[in-house]
PDB file of N, CA and C in Angstrom:
ATOM      1  N   MET A   1       6.355  31.211   9.941  1.00  0.00           N
ATOM      2  CA  MET A   1       6.814  29.866   9.672  1.00  0.00           C
ATOM      3  C   MET A   1       5.797  28.867  10.237  1.00  0.00           C
ATOM      4  N   ALA A   2       5.356  27.934   9.433  1.00  0.00           N
ATOM      5  CA  ALA A   2       4.349  26.968   9.849  1.00  0.00           C
ATOM      6  C   ALA A   2       4.963  25.896  10.742  1.00  0.00           C
ATOM      7  N   ALA A   3       4.189  25.458  11.723  1.00  0.00           N
ATOM      8  CA  ALA A   3       4.650  24.386  12.615  1.00  0.00           C
ATOM      9  C   ALA A   3       4.592  23.054  11.881  1.00  0.00           C
ATOM     10  N   LYS A   4       5.544  22.184  12.198  1.00  0.00           N
ATOM     11  CA  LYS A   4       5.557  20.850  11.581  1.00  0.00           C
ATOM     12  C   LYS A   4       4.413  20.015  12.133  1.00  0.00           C
ATOM     13  N   GLN A   5       3.763  19.280  11.244  1.00  0.00           N
ATOM     14  CA  GLN A   5       2.722  18.366  11.672  1.00  0.00           C
ATOM     15  C   GLN A   5       3.323  16.979  11.794  1.00  0.00           C
ATOM     16  N   GLU A   6       2.950  16.296  12.850  1.00  0.00           N
ATOM     17  CA  GLU A   6       3.447  14.938  13.029  1.00  0.00           C
ATOM     18  C   GLU A   6       2.641  13.968  12.179  1.00  0.00           C
ATOM     19  N   VAL A   7       3.336  13.003  11.624  1.00  0.00           N
ATOM     20  CA  VAL A   7       2.692  11.947  10.855  1.00  0.00           C
ATOM     21  C   VAL A   7       2.266  10.870  11.843  1.00  0.00           C
ATOM     22  N   PRO A   8       0.999  10.447  11.806  1.00  0.00           N
ATOM     23  CA  PRO A   8       0.567   9.429  12.769  1.00  0.00           C
ATOM     24  C   PRO A   8       1.258   8.095  12.518  1.00  0.00           C
ATOM     25  N   THR A   9       1.549   7.392  13.585  1.00  0.00           N
ATOM     26  CA  THR A   9       2.135   6.051  13.476  1.00  0.00           C
ATOM     27  C   THR A   9       1.256   5.079  14.248  1.00  0.00           C
ATOM     28  N   TYR A  10       1.301   3.842  13.858  1.00  0.00           N
ATOM     29  CA  TYR A  10       0.478   2.811  14.479  1.00  0.00           C
ATOM     30  C   TYR A  10       1.363   1.635  14.836  1.00  0.00           C
ATOM     31  N   SER A  11       1.139   1.077  16.007  1.00  0.00           N
ATOM     32  CA  SER A  11       1.961  -0.046  16.434  1.00  0.00           C
ATOM     33  C   SER A  11       1.478  -1.364  15.829  1.00  0.00           C
ATOM     34  N   HIS A  12       0.180  -1.458  15.499  1.00  0.00           N
ATOM     35  CA  HIS A  12      -0.343  -2.667  14.873  1.00  0.00           C
ATOM     36  C   HIS A  12      -1.680  -2.373  14.199  1.00  0.00           C
ATOM     37  N   VAL A  13      -2.028  -3.223  13.291  1.00  0.00           N
ATOM     38  CA  VAL A  13      -3.312  -3.130  12.604  1.00  0.00           C
ATOM     39  C   VAL A  13      -3.945  -4.511  12.666  1.00  0.00           C
ATOM     40  N   ARG A  14      -5.189  -4.564  13.052  1.00  0.00           N
ATOM     41  CA  ARG A  14      -5.894  -5.846  13.105  1.00  0.00           C
ATOM     42  C   ARG A  14      -6.832  -5.968  11.919  1.00  0.00           C
ATOM     43  N   ALA A  15      -6.815  -7.108  11.293  1.00  0.00           N
ATOM     44  CA  ALA A  15      -7.692  -7.348  10.145  1.00  0.00           C
ATOM     45  C   ALA A  15      -9.132  -7.514  10.607  1.00  0.00           C
ATOM     46  N   LEU A  16     -10.044  -6.906   9.884  1.00  0.00           N
ATOM     47  CA  LEU A  16     -11.467  -7.098  10.156  1.00  0.00           C
ATOM     48  C   LEU A  16     -11.938  -8.413   9.553  1.00  0.00           C
ATOM     49  N   ALA A  17     -11.325  -8.779   8.438  1.00  0.00           N
ATOM     50  CA  ALA A  17     -11.649 -10.024   7.750  1.00  0.00           C
ATOM     51  C   ALA A  17     -10.420 -10.459   6.954  1.00  0.00           C
ATOM     52  N   VAL A  18     -10.308 -11.758   6.720  1.00  0.00           N
ATOM     53  CA  VAL A  18      -9.199 -12.302   5.931  1.00  0.00           C
ATOM     54  C   VAL A  18      -9.802 -13.140   4.817  1.00  0.00           C
ATOM     55  N   LYS A  19      -9.321 -12.918   3.613  1.00  0.00           N
ATOM     56  CA  LYS A  19      -9.850 -13.630   2.449  1.00  0.00           C
ATOM     57  C   LYS A  19      -8.687 -14.115   1.607  1.00  0.00           C
ATOM     58  N   GLU A  20      -8.703 -15.372   1.196  1.00  0.00           N
ATOM     59  CA  GLU A  20      -7.647 -15.900   0.335  1.00  0.00           C
ATOM     60  C   GLU A  20      -7.951 -15.566  -1.112  1.00  0.00           C
ATOM     61  N   CYS A  21      -6.899 -15.279  -1.863  1.00  0.00           N
ATOM     62  CA  CYS A  21      -7.020 -15.013  -3.295  1.00  0.00           C
ATOM     63  C   CYS A  21      -6.811 -16.312  -4.046  1.00  0.00           C
ATOM     64  N   LYS A  22      -7.641 -16.575  -5.044  1.00  0.00           N
ATOM     65  CA  LYS A  22      -7.414 -17.720  -5.925  1.00  0.00           C
ATOM     66  C   LYS A  22      -6.182 -17.417  -6.765  1.00  0.00           C
ATOM     67  N   SER A  23      -5.279 -18.357  -6.907  1.00  0.00           N
ATOM     68  CA  SER A  23      -4.087 -18.228  -7.758  1.00  0.00           C
ATOM     69  C   SER A  23      -3.140 -17.121  -7.315  1.00  0.00           C
ATOM     70  N   ALA A  24      -3.143 -16.751  -6.052  1.00  0.00           N
ATOM     71  CA  ALA A  24      -2.339 -15.600  -5.642  1.00  0.00           C
ATOM     72  C   ALA A  24      -1.134 -15.989  -4.804  1.00  0.00           C
ATOM     73  N   GLN A  25      -0.128 -15.140  -4.919  1.00  0.00           N
ATOM     74  CA  GLN A  25       0.967 -15.156  -3.975  1.00  0.00           C
ATOM     75  C   GLN A  25       0.686 -14.012  -3.006  1.00  0.00           C
ATOM     76  N   LYS A  26       1.677 -13.397  -2.467  1.00  0.00           N
ATOM     77  CA  LYS A  26       1.469 -12.276  -1.553  1.00  0.00           C
ATOM     78  C   LYS A  26       0.798 -11.107  -2.269  1.00  0.00           C
ATOM     79  N   VAL A  27       0.013 -10.344  -1.526  1.00  0.00           N
ATOM     80  CA  VAL A  27      -0.684  -9.188  -2.086  1.00  0.00           C
ATOM     81  C   VAL A  27       0.238  -7.982  -2.072  1.00  0.00           C
ATOM     82  N   ARG A  28       0.307  -7.299  -3.196  1.00  0.00           N
ATOM     83  CA  ARG A  28       1.175  -6.131  -3.356  1.00  0.00           C
ATOM     84  C   ARG A  28       0.443  -4.818  -3.072  1.00  0.00           C
ATOM     85  N   ALA A  29      -0.818  -4.727  -3.496  1.00  0.00           N
ATOM     86  CA  ALA A  29      -1.582  -3.491  -3.326  1.00  0.00           C
ATOM     87  C   ALA A  29      -3.069  -3.818  -3.222  1.00  0.00           C
ATOM     88  N   VAL A  30      -3.793  -2.930  -2.536  1.00  0.00           N
ATOM     89  CA  VAL A  30      -5.243  -3.081  -2.377  1.00  0.00           C
ATOM     90  C   VAL A  30      -5.884  -1.728  -2.665  1.00  0.00           C
ATOM     91  N   ALA A  31      -7.041  -1.759  -3.335  1.00  0.00           N
ATOM     92  CA  ALA A  31      -7.771  -0.523  -3.629  1.00  0.00           C
ATOM     93  C   ALA A  31      -9.269  -0.772  -3.461  1.00  0.00           C
ATOM     94  N   PHE A  32      -9.990   0.294  -3.147  1.00  0.00           N
ATOM     95  CA  PHE A  32     -11.440   0.220  -2.986  1.00  0.00           C
ATOM     96  C   PHE A  32     -12.095   1.112  -4.023  1.00  0.00           C
ATOM     97  N   ASN A  33     -13.076   0.568  -4.759  1.00  0.00           N
ATOM     98  CA  ASN A  33     -13.841   1.333  -5.738  1.00  0.00           C
ATOM     99  C   ASN A  33     -15.198   1.650  -5.118  1.00  0.00           C
ATOM    100  N   LYS A  34     -15.369   2.891  -4.700  1.00  0.00           N
ATOM    101  CA  LYS A  34     -16.609   3.300  -4.026  1.00  0.00           C
ATOM    102  C   LYS A  34     -17.823   3.236  -4.962  1.00  0.00           C
ATOM    103  N   SER A  35     -17.624   3.548  -6.240  1.00  0.00           N
ATOM    104  CA  SER A  35     -18.734   3.556  -7.200  1.00  0.00           C
ATOM    105  C   SER A  35     -19.370   2.183  -7.364  1.00  0.00           C
ATOM    106  N   PHE A  36     -18.544   1.150  -7.426  1.00  0.00           N
ATOM    107  CA  PHE A  36     -19.043  -0.215  -7.632  1.00  0.00           C
ATOM    108  C   PHE A  36     -19.029  -1.050  -6.361  1.00  0.00           C
ATOM    109  N   GLN A  37     -18.572  -0.470  -5.241  1.00  0.00           N
ATOM    110  CA  GLN A  37     -18.474  -1.194  -3.971  1.00  0.00           C
ATOM    111  C   GLN A  37     -17.654  -2.475  -4.144  1.00  0.00           C
ATOM    112  N   GLU A  38     -16.461  -2.319  -4.723  1.00  0.00           N
ATOM    113  CA  GLU A  38     -15.571  -3.455  -4.961  1.00  0.00           C
ATOM    114  C   GLU A  38     -14.203  -3.211  -4.333  1.00  0.00           C
ATOM    115  N   ILE A  39     -13.560  -4.295  -3.949  1.00  0.00           N
ATOM    116  CA  ILE A  39     -12.196  -4.271  -3.436  1.00  0.00           C
ATOM    117  C   ILE A  39     -11.329  -5.013  -4.451  1.00  0.00           C
ATOM    118  N   ALA A  40     -10.219  -4.401  -4.832  1.00  0.00           N
ATOM    119  CA  ALA A  40      -9.295  -5.029  -5.783  1.00  0.00           C
ATOM    120  C   ALA A  40      -7.948  -5.230  -5.103  1.00  0.00           C
ATOM    121  N   ALA A  41      -7.322  -6.370  -5.368  1.00  0.00           N
ATOM    122  CA  ALA A  41      -5.999  -6.660  -4.821  1.00  0.00           C
ATOM    123  C   ALA A  41      -5.089  -7.121  -5.958  1.00  0.00           C
ATOM    124  N   LEU A  42      -3.867  -6.632  -5.949  1.00  0.00           N
ATOM    125  CA  LEU A  42      -2.859  -7.026  -6.934  1.00  0.00           C
ATOM    126  C   LEU A  42      -1.872  -7.936  -6.232  1.00  0.00           C
ATOM    127  N   SER A  43      -1.676  -9.145  -6.756  1.00  0.00           N
ATOM    128  CA  SER A  43      -0.746 -10.086  -6.137  1.00  0.00           C
ATOM    129  C   SER A  43       0.599 -10.049  -6.857  1.00  0.00           C
ATOM    130  N   LEU A  44       1.625 -10.527  -6.176  1.00  0.00           N
ATOM    131  CA  LEU A  44       2.983 -10.479  -6.714  1.00  0.00           C
ATOM    132  C   LEU A  44       3.166 -11.289  -7.991  1.00  0.00           C
ATOM    133  N   ASN A  45       2.318 -12.286  -8.208  1.00  0.00           N
ATOM    134  CA  ASN A  45       2.454 -13.083  -9.428  1.00  0.00           C
ATOM    135  C   ASN A  45       1.668 -12.504 -10.606  1.00  0.00           C
ATOM    136  N   GLY A  46       1.225 -11.239 -10.492  1.00  0.00           N
ATOM    137  CA  GLY A  46       0.601 -10.555 -11.624  1.00  0.00           C
ATOM    138  C   GLY A  46      -0.871 -10.820 -11.818  1.00  0.00           C
ATOM    139  N   TYR A  47      -1.564 -11.236 -10.785  1.00  0.00           N
ATOM    140  CA  TYR A  47      -3.002 -11.436 -10.869  1.00  0.00           C
ATOM    141  C   TYR A  47      -3.706 -10.291 -10.160  1.00  0.00           C
ATOM    142  N   ILE A  48      -4.860  -9.889 -10.700  1.00  0.00           N
ATOM    143  CA  ILE A  48      -5.717  -8.940 -10.010  1.00  0.00           C
ATOM    144  C   ILE A  48      -6.956  -9.703  -9.558  1.00  0.00           C
ATOM    145  N   HIS A  49      -7.360  -9.449  -8.331  1.00  0.00           N
ATOM    146  CA  HIS A  49      -8.497 -10.140  -7.723  1.00  0.00           C
ATOM    147  C   HIS A  49      -9.501  -9.073  -7.311  1.00  0.00           C
ATOM    148  N   ILE A  50     -10.769  -9.292  -7.650  1.00  0.00           N
ATOM    149  CA  ILE A  50     -11.804  -8.307  -7.352  1.00  0.00           C
ATOM    150  C   ILE A  50     -12.922  -8.979  -6.564  1.00  0.00           C
ATOM    151  N   TRP A  51     -13.317  -8.325  -5.443  1.00  0.00           N
ATOM    152  CA  TRP A  51     -14.403  -8.820  -4.607  1.00  0.00           C
ATOM    153  C   TRP A  51     -15.486  -7.775  -4.484  1.00  0.00           C
ATOM    154  N   ASN A  52     -16.707  -8.237  -4.303  1.00  0.00           N
ATOM    155  CA  ASN A  52     -17.803  -7.368  -3.944  1.00  0.00           C
ATOM    156  C   ASN A  52     -17.610  -7.007  -2.472  1.00  0.00           C
ATOM    157  N   ALA A  53     -17.561  -5.729  -2.145  1.00  0.00           N
ATOM    158  CA  ALA A  53     -17.265  -5.290  -0.779  1.00  0.00           C
ATOM    159  C   ALA A  53     -18.415  -5.573   0.182  1.00  0.00           C
ATOM    160  N   GLU A  54     -19.615  -5.689  -0.308  1.00  0.00           N
ATOM    161  CA  GLU A  54     -20.756  -5.934   0.574  1.00  0.00           C
ATOM    162  C   GLU A  54     -20.910  -7.405   0.921  1.00  0.00           C
ATOM    163  N   THR A  55     -20.707  -8.286  -0.062  1.00  0.00           N
ATOM    164  CA  THR A  55     -20.874  -9.732   0.176  1.00  0.00           C
ATOM    165  C   THR A  55     -19.547 -10.436   0.424  1.00  0.00           C
ATOM    166  N   PHE A  56     -18.440  -9.773   0.092  1.00  0.00           N
ATOM    167  CA  PHE A  56     -17.085 -10.317   0.218  1.00  0.00           C
ATOM    168  C   PHE A  56     -16.902 -11.580  -0.631  1.00  0.00           C
ATOM    169  N   LYS A  57     -17.651 -11.673  -1.720  1.00  0.00           N
ATOM    170  CA  LYS A  57     -17.494 -12.782  -2.661  1.00  0.00           C
ATOM    171  C   LYS A  57     -16.618 -12.321  -3.812  1.00  0.00           C
ATOM    172  N   GLN A  58     -15.729 -13.210  -4.262  1.00  0.00           N
ATOM    173  CA  GLN A  58     -14.820 -12.860  -5.348  1.00  0.00           C
ATOM    174  C   GLN A  58     -15.591 -12.777  -6.654  1.00  0.00           C
ATOM    175  N   VAL A  59     -15.474 -11.630  -7.324  1.00  0.00           N
ATOM    176  CA  VAL A  59     -16.164 -11.388  -8.587  1.00  0.00           C
ATOM    177  C   VAL A  59     -15.350 -11.974  -9.736  1.00  0.00           C
ATOM    178  N   CYS A  60     -14.037 -11.723  -9.727  1.00  0.00           N
ATOM    179  CA  CYS A  60     -13.185 -12.264 -10.778  1.00  0.00           C
ATOM    180  C   CYS A  60     -11.723 -12.225 -10.351  1.00  0.00           C
ATOM    181  N   HIS A  61     -10.922 -12.939 -11.073  1.00  0.00           N
ATOM    182  CA  HIS A  61      -9.474 -12.848 -10.958  1.00  0.00           C
ATOM    183  C   HIS A  61      -8.901 -13.146 -12.331  1.00  0.00           C
ATOM    184  N   CYS A  62      -7.885 -12.405 -12.716  1.00  0.00           N
ATOM    185  CA  CYS A  62      -7.291 -12.626 -14.020  1.00  0.00           C
ATOM    186  C   CYS A  62      -5.824 -12.210 -14.008  1.00  0.00           C
ATOM    187  N   SER A  63      -5.079 -12.787 -14.922  1.00  0.00           N
ATOM    188  CA  SER A  63      -3.675 -12.483 -15.067  1.00  0.00           C
ATOM    189  C   SER A  63      -3.520 -11.178 -15.845  1.00  0.00           C
ATOM    190  N   LEU A  64      -2.627 -10.345 -15.406  1.00  0.00           N
ATOM    191  CA  LEU A  64      -2.355  -9.086 -16.116  1.00  0.00           C
ATOM    192  C   LEU A  64      -1.351  -9.328 -17.227  1.00  0.00           C
ATOM    193  N   ASP A  65      -1.350  -8.466 -18.241  1.00  0.00           N
ATOM    194  CA  ASP A  65      -0.481  -8.633 -19.401  1.00  0.00           C
ATOM    195  C   ASP A  65       0.998  -8.632 -19.037  1.00  0.00           C
ATOM    196  N   PHE A  66       1.375  -7.884 -18.010  1.00  0.00           N
ATOM    197  CA  PHE A  66       2.780  -7.762 -17.639  1.00  0.00           C
ATOM    198  C   PHE A  66       3.150  -8.714 -16.507  1.00  0.00           C
ATOM    199  N   ALA A  67       2.427  -9.819 -16.373  1.00  0.00           N
ATOM    200  CA  ALA A  67       2.629 -10.743 -15.259  1.00  0.00           C
ATOM    201  C   ALA A  67       4.040 -11.318 -15.227  1.00  0.00           C
ATOM    202  N   SER A  68       4.714 -11.386 -16.365  1.00  0.00           N
ATOM    203  CA  SER A  68       6.071 -11.954 -16.379  1.00  0.00           C
ATOM    204  C   SER A  68       7.110 -10.980 -15.837  1.00  0.00           C
ATOM    205  N   GLN A  69       6.748  -9.707 -15.694  1.00  0.00           N
ATOM    206  CA  GLN A  69       7.671  -8.722 -15.138  1.00  0.00           C
ATOM    207  C   GLN A  69       7.576  -8.730 -13.617  1.00  0.00           C
ATOM    208  N   ASP A  70       8.600  -8.252 -12.970  1.00  0.00           N
ATOM    209  CA  ASP A  70       8.570  -8.149 -11.506  1.00  0.00           C
ATOM    210  C   ASP A  70       7.639  -7.035 -11.106  1.00  0.00           C
ATOM    211  N   LEU A  71       6.763  -7.323 -10.153  1.00  0.00           N
ATOM    212  CA  LEU A  71       5.848  -6.297  -9.648  1.00  0.00           C
ATOM    213  C   LEU A  71       6.449  -5.661  -8.442  1.00  0.00           C
TER     214      LEU A  71
END
């Protein structure tokens, strides 16, 4: 019988950097694209925001087709 592994827990996380999204409400999800060195964030109002991970400059932001649905 295998021993149970504990799931790590953290009491807090400190941001390395903070960036505001144009046209955004709260951020729902964040992803990193290693191939293009980009960070993407999905906001609650149905916008996707993409930044260059090296310069931290926003590449684009656009409304998704399902923006009228609840995310």
